[in-house]
Amino acid sequence: MTVIHQIPLSISNSYLVKGAVNILIDTGSPGEGKKIIRFLHKHNVELRDISLILHTHGHSDHCGSTRELLDQCNIPTALHSGDLKMVTTGSNGPIATTTVFSKILVPFVDKPYAPFTPDYLVDSMKDLSSFGIDATLVHTPGHSMGSVSIGFDNGDMIIGDLLMGGWLGGLFFPTLPDYHYFIEDRPLLHSSIENILTRPAQRYWVGHGGPLKAKDVTKWYGVNRFST
C-alpha cells in the first residue's frame, strides 16, 4: 500500500512516497536538502533508501535542492523534457504571470539553482513500473510545458503546480482549490485539469497548500473554467 507524506518546505511541498520502494517527488527551493533529509529520518528513511527523485516540473521551488541531494547520494532523477532546459541551466526562464500580485511575487520565487541533468526523461512513460512503483504517470502541461502528475493505487494523485491550495501558496485555507499564480498556457492547463478529473483519484496533493479533495476540485472547476 502506498503512503504519501507531505514535506512542507519554505514555499513549496515535496513528497516522500513509501511503498514497495521509496521515492522523493520534488526537492523544494535551493538550500532545503537538509530539511528533506531530516524529514526522511523522522520516517525511518535514509537518503540512500530513495530509489528515484521525480520532478513534477522544472521550477526552482521544485528542483532547487536536487543537486544538493545528489552530491550526497547518487540517486536516479527523472523529469519531462518540456522542462529540461530549466534544470540543465538552473534557471526558470521567463515566468508567465497572471495577475498584478503574481508580478509582485516573481522576485521572491525566481531564484537560480544548481543545475543537473536528469537520468530519465519521462515523456513516453505511462507508469513508473520500471522503477518498481505502482503509479500512473500523466503529462499535465499548462503551468509549465513539462509538468507531470502521478496517480497512485490508494486514490491519491500528486499534481505539482497544476493547481494550488488556498491563498499565498497555501498559507491560508490550504484545502481550497485555486489556480497557480503562474500559468504558461491556460487552455493547456484546462485540458490537463480535465484530464486528471477523468481519472479515479479521490485526493490531489499539490506543490503549494493542499491536499485537495477531488469533489472540491470538480465543483471549483465547474465554476471557474469559464470565468478567467
C-alpha atoms as a PDB file:
ATOM      1  CA  MET A   1       0.000   0.000   0.000  1.00  0.00           C
ATOM      2  CA  THR A   2       1.310   3.404  -0.974  1.00  0.00           C
ATOM      3  CA  VAL A   3       1.620   6.060   1.733  1.00  0.00           C
ATOM      4  CA  ILE A   4       2.244   9.701   0.810  1.00  0.00           C
ATOM      5  CA  HIS A   5       3.949  12.047   3.262  1.00  0.00           C
ATOM      6  CA  GLN A   6       3.865  15.772   2.527  1.00  0.00           C
ATOM      7  CA  ILE A   7       7.164  17.535   3.249  1.00  0.00           C
ATOM      8  CA  PRO A   8       6.362  21.213   3.977  1.00  0.00           C
ATOM      9  CA  LEU A   9       9.265  23.414   2.883  1.00  0.00           C
ATOM     10  CA  SER A  10       9.774  27.172   2.769  1.00  0.00           C
ATOM     11  CA  ILE A  11       7.425  27.976  -0.114  1.00  0.00           C
ATOM     12  CA  SER A  12       6.511  24.590  -1.592  1.00  0.00           C
ATOM     13  CA  ASN A  13       5.873  20.941  -0.789  1.00  0.00           C
ATOM     14  CA  SER A  14       7.966  17.906  -1.559  1.00  0.00           C
ATOM     15  CA  TYR A  15       6.658  14.384  -1.067  1.00  0.00           C
ATOM     16  CA  LEU A  16       8.029  11.165   0.342  1.00  0.00           C
ATOM     17  CA  VAL A  17       6.163   8.251  -1.219  1.00  0.00           C
ATOM     18  CA  LYS A  18       6.583   4.995   0.695  1.00  0.00           C
ATOM     19  CA  GLY A  19       5.543   1.746  -0.926  1.00  0.00           C
ATOM     20  CA  ALA A  20       7.384  -1.245  -2.366  1.00  0.00           C
ATOM     21  CA  VAL A  21      10.173   1.293  -2.838  1.00  0.00           C
ATOM     22  CA  ASN A  22      10.669   4.850  -1.611  1.00  0.00           C
ATOM     23  CA  ILE A  23      10.617   7.797  -3.996  1.00  0.00           C
ATOM     24  CA  LEU A  24      11.000  11.535  -3.495  1.00  0.00           C
ATOM     25  CA  ILE A  25       8.848  13.865  -5.542  1.00  0.00           C
ATOM     26  CA  ASP A  26      10.348  17.358  -5.930  1.00  0.00           C
ATOM     27  CA  THR A  27      13.102  18.865  -3.788  1.00  0.00           C
ATOM     28  CA  GLY A  28      11.919  22.362  -2.897  1.00  0.00           C
ATOM     29  CA  SER A  29      13.925  25.552  -3.233  1.00  0.00           C
ATOM     30  CA  PRO A  30      17.722  25.881  -3.136  1.00  0.00           C
ATOM     31  CA  GLY A  31      19.232  25.052   0.251  1.00  0.00           C
ATOM     32  CA  GLU A  32      16.455  22.767   1.523  1.00  0.00           C
ATOM     33  CA  GLY A  33      18.284  19.459   1.249  1.00  0.00           C
ATOM     34  CA  LYS A  34      18.935  19.231   4.989  1.00  0.00           C
ATOM     35  CA  LYS A  35      15.251  19.802   5.763  1.00  0.00           C
ATOM     36  CA  ILE A  36      14.326  16.976   3.426  1.00  0.00           C
ATOM     37  CA  ILE A  37      16.889  14.620   4.951  1.00  0.00           C
ATOM     38  CA  ARG A  38      15.660  15.410   8.474  1.00  0.00           C
ATOM     39  CA  PHE A  39      12.109  14.629   7.371  1.00  0.00           C
ATOM     40  CA  LEU A  40      13.230  11.337   5.853  1.00  0.00           C
ATOM     41  CA  HIS A  41      14.943  10.384   9.106  1.00  0.00           C
ATOM     42  CA  LYS A  42      11.735  11.038  11.058  1.00  0.00           C
ATOM     43  CA  HIS A  43      10.083   8.446   8.845  1.00  0.00           C
ATOM     44  CA  ASN A  44      12.942   5.952   9.174  1.00  0.00           C
ATOM     45  CA  VAL A  45      14.213   6.524   5.656  1.00  0.00           C
ATOM     46  CA  GLU A  46      17.826   7.267   4.737  1.00  0.00           C
ATOM     47  CA  LEU A  47      18.714   9.230   1.620  1.00  0.00           C
ATOM     48  CA  ARG A  48      20.281   6.068   0.207  1.00  0.00           C
ATOM     49  CA  ASP A  49      16.876   4.362   0.550  1.00  0.00           C
ATOM     50  CA  ILE A  50      15.358   6.674  -2.089  1.00  0.00           C
ATOM     51  CA  SER A  51      15.175   4.845  -5.415  1.00  0.00           C
ATOM     52  CA  LEU A  52      14.118   7.823  -7.545  1.00  0.00           C
ATOM     53  CA  ILE A  53      13.750  11.609  -7.401  1.00  0.00           C
ATOM     54  CA  LEU A  54      10.880  12.500  -9.714  1.00  0.00           C
ATOM     55  CA  HIS A  55      10.184  16.146 -10.528  1.00  0.00           C
ATOM     56  CA  THR A  56       6.667  17.362 -11.277  1.00  0.00           C
ATOM     57  CA  HIS A  57       8.249  20.218 -13.247  1.00  0.00           C
ATOM     58  CA  GLY A  58      11.425  22.251 -13.544  1.00  0.00           C
ATOM     59  CA  HIS A  59      10.884  25.410 -11.487  1.00  0.00           C
ATOM     60  CA  SER A  60      13.390  26.359  -8.821  1.00  0.00           C
ATOM     61  CA  ASP A  61      10.980  25.797  -5.913  1.00  0.00           C
ATOM     62  CA  HIS A  62      10.566  22.165  -7.023  1.00  0.00           C
ATOM     63  CA  CYS A  63      14.071  21.281  -8.267  1.00  0.00           C
ATOM     64  CA  GLY A  64      16.160  23.694  -6.240  1.00  0.00           C
ATOM     65  CA  SER A  65      17.782  21.188  -3.866  1.00  0.00           C
ATOM     66  CA  THR A  66      18.189  18.241  -6.220  1.00  0.00           C
ATOM     67  CA  ARG A  67      21.872  18.898  -6.855  1.00  0.00           C
ATOM     68  CA  GLU A  68      22.487  19.204  -3.098  1.00  0.00           C
ATOM     69  CA  LEU A  69      20.943  15.780  -2.525  1.00  0.00           C
ATOM     70  CA  LEU A  70      22.782  14.217  -5.469  1.00  0.00           C
ATOM     71  CA  ASP A  71      26.092  15.483  -4.106  1.00  0.00           C
ATOM     72  CA  GLN A  72      25.440  13.337  -1.037  1.00  0.00           C
ATOM     73  CA  CYS A  73      23.965  10.260  -2.693  1.00  0.00           C
ATOM     74  CA  ASN A  74      23.784   9.052  -6.290  1.00  0.00           C
ATOM     75  CA  ILE A  75      20.019   8.770  -6.827  1.00  0.00           C
ATOM     76  CA  PRO A  76      18.386   8.441 -10.270  1.00  0.00           C
ATOM     77  CA  THR A  77      16.405  11.535 -11.284  1.00  0.00           C
ATOM     78  CA  ALA A  78      13.516  11.959 -13.714  1.00  0.00           C
ATOM     79  CA  LEU A  79      11.797  14.877 -15.461  1.00  0.00           C
ATOM     80  CA  HIS A  80       9.723  15.595 -18.559  1.00  0.00           C
ATOM     81  CA  SER A  81      11.782  17.026 -21.441  1.00  0.00           C
ATOM     82  CA  GLY A  82       9.460  20.027 -21.687  1.00  0.00           C
ATOM     83  CA  ASP A  83      11.322  21.497 -18.708  1.00  0.00           C
ATOM     84  CA  LEU A  84      14.765  20.081 -19.481  1.00  0.00           C
ATOM     85  CA  LYS A  85      16.331  23.461 -20.282  1.00  0.00           C
ATOM     86  CA  MET A  86      15.348  24.764 -16.828  1.00  0.00           C
ATOM     87  CA  VAL A  87      17.164  22.067 -14.870  1.00  0.00           C
ATOM     88  CA  THR A  88      20.257  21.908 -17.069  1.00  0.00           C
ATOM     89  CA  THR A  89      20.745  25.685 -16.760  1.00  0.00           C
ATOM     90  CA  GLY A  90      19.416  26.129 -13.220  1.00  0.00           C
ATOM     91  CA  SER A  91      17.041  28.845 -14.387  1.00  0.00           C
ATOM     92  CA  ASN A  92      13.255  29.190 -14.522  1.00  0.00           C
ATOM     93  CA  GLY A  93      13.401  31.162 -17.738  1.00  0.00           C
ATOM     94  CA  PRO A  94      10.524  33.590 -18.414  1.00  0.00           C
ATOM     95  CA  ILE A  95       7.769  33.304 -15.792  1.00  0.00           C
ATOM     96  CA  ALA A  96       4.228  33.708 -17.092  1.00  0.00           C
ATOM     97  CA  THR A  97       2.392  35.861 -14.554  1.00  0.00           C
ATOM     98  CA  THR A  98      -1.395  36.063 -14.449  1.00  0.00           C
ATOM     99  CA  THR A  99      -2.177  38.952 -12.068  1.00  0.00           C
ATOM    100  CA  VAL A 100      -0.606  42.088 -10.629  1.00  0.00           C
ATOM    101  CA  PHE A 101       0.020  40.153  -7.406  1.00  0.00           C
ATOM    102  CA  SER A 102       1.816  37.401  -9.303  1.00  0.00           C
ATOM    103  CA  LYS A 103       4.122  40.009 -10.858  1.00  0.00           C
ATOM    104  CA  ILE A 104       4.995  41.214  -7.359  1.00  0.00           C
ATOM    105  CA  LEU A 105       5.841  37.635  -6.346  1.00  0.00           C
ATOM    106  CA  VAL A 106       8.358  37.000  -9.133  1.00  0.00           C
ATOM    107  CA  PRO A 107      11.473  38.430  -7.390  1.00  0.00           C
ATOM    108  CA  PHE A 108      10.746  36.278  -4.333  1.00  0.00           C
ATOM    109  CA  VAL A 109      10.418  32.976  -6.205  1.00  0.00           C
ATOM    110  CA  ASP A 110      12.554  33.372  -9.322  1.00  0.00           C
ATOM    111  CA  LYS A 111      15.835  32.093  -7.897  1.00  0.00           C
ATOM    112  CA  PRO A 112      18.731  30.421  -9.728  1.00  0.00           C
ATOM    113  CA  TYR A 113      19.611  26.920  -8.581  1.00  0.00           C
ATOM    114  CA  ALA A 114      22.378  24.383  -9.057  1.00  0.00           C
ATOM    115  CA  PRO A 115      21.747  22.639 -12.393  1.00  0.00           C
ATOM    116  CA  PHE A 116      21.650  18.896 -13.006  1.00  0.00           C
ATOM    117  CA  THR A 117      20.968  16.525 -15.866  1.00  0.00           C
ATOM    118  CA  PRO A 118      18.135  14.047 -15.251  1.00  0.00           C
ATOM    119  CA  ASP A 119      18.885  10.374 -15.754  1.00  0.00           C
ATOM    120  CA  TYR A 120      15.468   9.725 -17.258  1.00  0.00           C
ATOM    121  CA  LEU A 121      13.058  11.702 -19.422  1.00  0.00           C
ATOM    122  CA  VAL A 122       9.525  10.536 -18.713  1.00  0.00           C
ATOM    123  CA  ASP A 123       7.904  11.799 -21.930  1.00  0.00           C
ATOM    124  CA  SER A 124       6.744   8.409 -23.188  1.00  0.00           C
ATOM    125  CA  MET A 125       6.211   6.736 -19.816  1.00  0.00           C
ATOM    126  CA  LYS A 126       2.659   5.756 -18.913  1.00  0.00           C
ATOM    127  CA  ASP A 127       3.573   4.400 -15.498  1.00  0.00           C
ATOM    128  CA  LEU A 128       6.518   4.009 -13.140  1.00  0.00           C
ATOM    129  CA  SER A 129       6.599   0.207 -13.108  1.00  0.00           C
ATOM    130  CA  SER A 130      10.152   0.163 -14.472  1.00  0.00           C
ATOM    131  CA  PHE A 131      11.196   1.758 -11.173  1.00  0.00           C
ATOM    132  CA  GLY A 132       9.208  -0.733  -9.096  1.00  0.00           C
ATOM    133  CA  ILE A 133       6.453   1.790  -8.399  1.00  0.00           C
ATOM    134  CA  ASP A 134       2.760   1.075  -8.917  1.00  0.00           C
ATOM    135  CA  ALA A 135       1.793   4.507 -10.209  1.00  0.00           C
ATOM    136  CA  THR A 136       0.415   6.124 -13.352  1.00  0.00           C
ATOM    137  CA  LEU A 137       2.308   8.989 -14.963  1.00  0.00           C
ATOM    138  CA  VAL A 138       0.330  11.715 -16.777  1.00  0.00           C
ATOM    139  CA  HIS A 139       1.700  14.642 -18.773  1.00  0.00           C
ATOM    140  CA  THR A 140      -0.239  17.668 -17.483  1.00  0.00           C
ATOM    141  CA  PRO A 141       1.189  20.807 -19.153  1.00  0.00           C
ATOM    142  CA  GLY A 142      -0.100  24.306 -18.611  1.00  0.00           C
ATOM    143  CA  HIS A 143       1.725  25.626 -15.585  1.00  0.00           C
ATOM    144  CA  SER A 144       4.855  24.624 -17.486  1.00  0.00           C
ATOM    145  CA  MET A 145       5.306  22.606 -20.654  1.00  0.00           C
ATOM    146  CA  GLY A 146       6.961  19.741 -18.804  1.00  0.00           C
ATOM    147  CA  SER A 147       4.575  19.396 -15.879  1.00  0.00           C
ATOM    148  CA  VAL A 148       3.549  15.850 -14.919  1.00  0.00           C
ATOM    149  CA  SER A 149       1.164  14.297 -12.404  1.00  0.00           C
ATOM    150  CA  ILE A 150       1.429  10.935 -10.668  1.00  0.00           C
ATOM    151  CA  GLY A 151      -1.559   8.770  -9.732  1.00  0.00           C
ATOM    152  CA  PHE A 152      -1.251   6.071  -7.056  1.00  0.00           C
ATOM    153  CA  ASP A 153      -3.198   2.948  -6.193  1.00  0.00           C
ATOM    154  CA  ASN A 154      -4.506   4.425  -2.926  1.00  0.00           C
ATOM    155  CA  GLY A 155      -6.676   7.047  -4.696  1.00  0.00           C
ATOM    156  CA  ASP A 156      -4.150   9.863  -4.330  1.00  0.00           C
ATOM    157  CA  MET A 157      -2.591  11.935  -7.096  1.00  0.00           C
ATOM    158  CA  ILE A 158       0.368  14.312  -6.860  1.00  0.00           C
ATOM    159  CA  ILE A 159      -0.192  17.094  -9.411  1.00  0.00           C
ATOM    160  CA  GLY A 160       2.576  19.634  -8.729  1.00  0.00           C
ATOM    161  CA  ASP A 161       1.502  23.162  -9.649  1.00  0.00           C
ATOM    162  CA  LEU A 162      -1.347  22.180 -11.937  1.00  0.00           C
ATOM    163  CA  LEU A 163      -3.458  23.703  -9.148  1.00  0.00           C
ATOM    164  CA  MET A 164      -2.724  25.341  -5.826  1.00  0.00           C
ATOM    165  CA  GLY A 165      -4.344  25.146  -2.423  1.00  0.00           C
ATOM    166  CA  GLY A 166      -5.565  28.344  -0.764  1.00  0.00           C
ATOM    167  CA  TRP A 167      -4.013  31.786  -0.749  1.00  0.00           C
ATOM    168  CA  LEU A 168      -0.381  32.872  -0.553  1.00  0.00           C
ATOM    169  CA  GLY A 169       0.804  29.472  -1.644  1.00  0.00           C
ATOM    170  CA  GLY A 170      -1.328  27.635   0.874  1.00  0.00           C
ATOM    171  CA  LEU A 171      -0.628  29.798   3.898  1.00  0.00           C
ATOM    172  CA  PHE A 172      -4.364  30.461   4.234  1.00  0.00           C
ATOM    173  CA  PHE A 173      -7.186  27.987   3.512  1.00  0.00           C
ATOM    174  CA  PRO A 174      -4.800  25.360   2.057  1.00  0.00           C
ATOM    175  CA  THR A 175      -7.540  22.891   1.082  1.00  0.00           C
ATOM    176  CA  LEU A 176      -9.418  25.326  -1.179  1.00  0.00           C
ATOM    177  CA  PRO A 177      -8.631  24.712  -4.885  1.00  0.00           C
ATOM    178  CA  ASP A 178      -7.298  27.622  -6.912  1.00  0.00           C
ATOM    179  CA  TYR A 179      -5.231  28.449  -9.969  1.00  0.00           C
ATOM    180  CA  HIS A 180      -1.497  28.855  -9.504  1.00  0.00           C
ATOM    181  CA  TYR A 181      -0.116  32.391  -9.786  1.00  0.00           C
ATOM    182  CA  PHE A 182       1.960  31.437 -12.843  1.00  0.00           C
ATOM    183  CA  ILE A 183       0.435  29.773 -15.920  1.00  0.00           C
ATOM    184  CA  GLU A 184       2.267  29.376 -19.232  1.00  0.00           C
ATOM    185  CA  ASP A 185      -0.739  28.207 -21.254  1.00  0.00           C
ATOM    186  CA  ARG A 186      -4.248  28.437 -19.793  1.00  0.00           C
ATOM    187  CA  PRO A 187      -6.056  26.341 -22.459  1.00  0.00           C
ATOM    188  CA  LEU A 188      -3.466  23.599 -21.972  1.00  0.00           C
ATOM    189  CA  LEU A 189      -3.875  23.901 -18.219  1.00  0.00           C
ATOM    190  CA  HIS A 190      -7.644  23.451 -18.533  1.00  0.00           C
ATOM    191  CA  SER A 191      -7.137  20.373 -20.711  1.00  0.00           C
ATOM    192  CA  SER A 192      -4.792  18.952 -18.080  1.00  0.00           C
ATOM    193  CA  ILE A 193      -7.258  19.641 -15.263  1.00  0.00           C
ATOM    194  CA  GLU A 194      -9.984  17.909 -17.246  1.00  0.00           C
ATOM    195  CA  ASN A 195      -7.619  15.001 -17.846  1.00  0.00           C
ATOM    196  CA  ILE A 196      -6.988  14.367 -14.151  1.00  0.00           C
ATOM    197  CA  LEU A 197     -10.680  14.802 -13.318  1.00  0.00           C
ATOM    198  CA  THR A 198     -11.491  11.820 -15.553  1.00  0.00           C
ATOM    199  CA  ARG A 199      -9.161   9.613 -13.523  1.00  0.00           C
ATOM    200  CA  PRO A 200     -10.123   7.664 -10.388  1.00  0.00           C
ATOM    201  CA  ALA A 201      -8.417   9.917  -7.836  1.00  0.00           C
ATOM    202  CA  GLN A 202     -10.024  10.993  -4.574  1.00  0.00           C
ATOM    203  CA  ARG A 203      -7.403  13.467  -3.394  1.00  0.00           C
ATOM    204  CA  TYR A 204      -4.858  15.734  -5.057  1.00  0.00           C
ATOM    205  CA  TRP A 205      -1.557  16.661  -3.438  1.00  0.00           C
ATOM    206  CA  VAL A 206      -0.240  19.965  -4.764  1.00  0.00           C
ATOM    207  CA  GLY A 207       3.010  21.912  -4.748  1.00  0.00           C
ATOM    208  CA  HIS A 208       1.589  24.652  -2.533  1.00  0.00           C
ATOM    209  CA  GLY A 209      -1.047  24.074   0.137  1.00  0.00           C
ATOM    210  CA  GLY A 210      -3.356  21.073  -0.114  1.00  0.00           C
ATOM    211  CA  PRO A 211      -4.330  18.360  -0.151  1.00  0.00           C
ATOM    212  CA  LEU A 212      -7.419  18.989  -2.274  1.00  0.00           C
ATOM    213  CA  LYS A 213     -10.456  16.714  -2.355  1.00  0.00           C
ATOM    214  CA  ALA A 214     -11.375  15.606  -5.878  1.00  0.00           C
ATOM    215  CA  LYS A 215     -15.019  16.563  -5.344  1.00  0.00           C
ATOM    216  CA  ASP A 216     -13.965  20.093  -4.315  1.00  0.00           C
ATOM    217  CA  VAL A 217     -11.783  20.460  -7.418  1.00  0.00           C
ATOM    218  CA  THR A 218     -14.623  19.266  -9.646  1.00  0.00           C
ATOM    219  CA  LYS A 219     -17.010  21.802  -8.111  1.00  0.00           C
ATOM    220  CA  TRP A 220     -14.453  24.634  -8.235  1.00  0.00           C
ATOM    221  CA  TYR A 221     -13.515  23.928 -11.835  1.00  0.00           C
ATOM    222  CA  GLY A 222     -17.142  23.864 -12.926  1.00  0.00           C
ATOM    223  CA  VAL A 223     -17.472  27.454 -11.678  1.00  0.00           C
ATOM    224  CA  ASN A 224     -14.065  28.844 -12.698  1.00  0.00           C
ATOM    225  CA  ARG A 225     -13.184  27.361 -16.084  1.00  0.00           C
ATOM    226  CA  PHE A 226     -15.268  29.955 -17.954  1.00  0.00           C
ATOM    227  CA  SER A 227     -14.658  32.880 -15.614  1.00  0.00           C
ATOM    228  CA  THR A 228     -10.970  33.562 -16.333  1.00  0.00           C
END
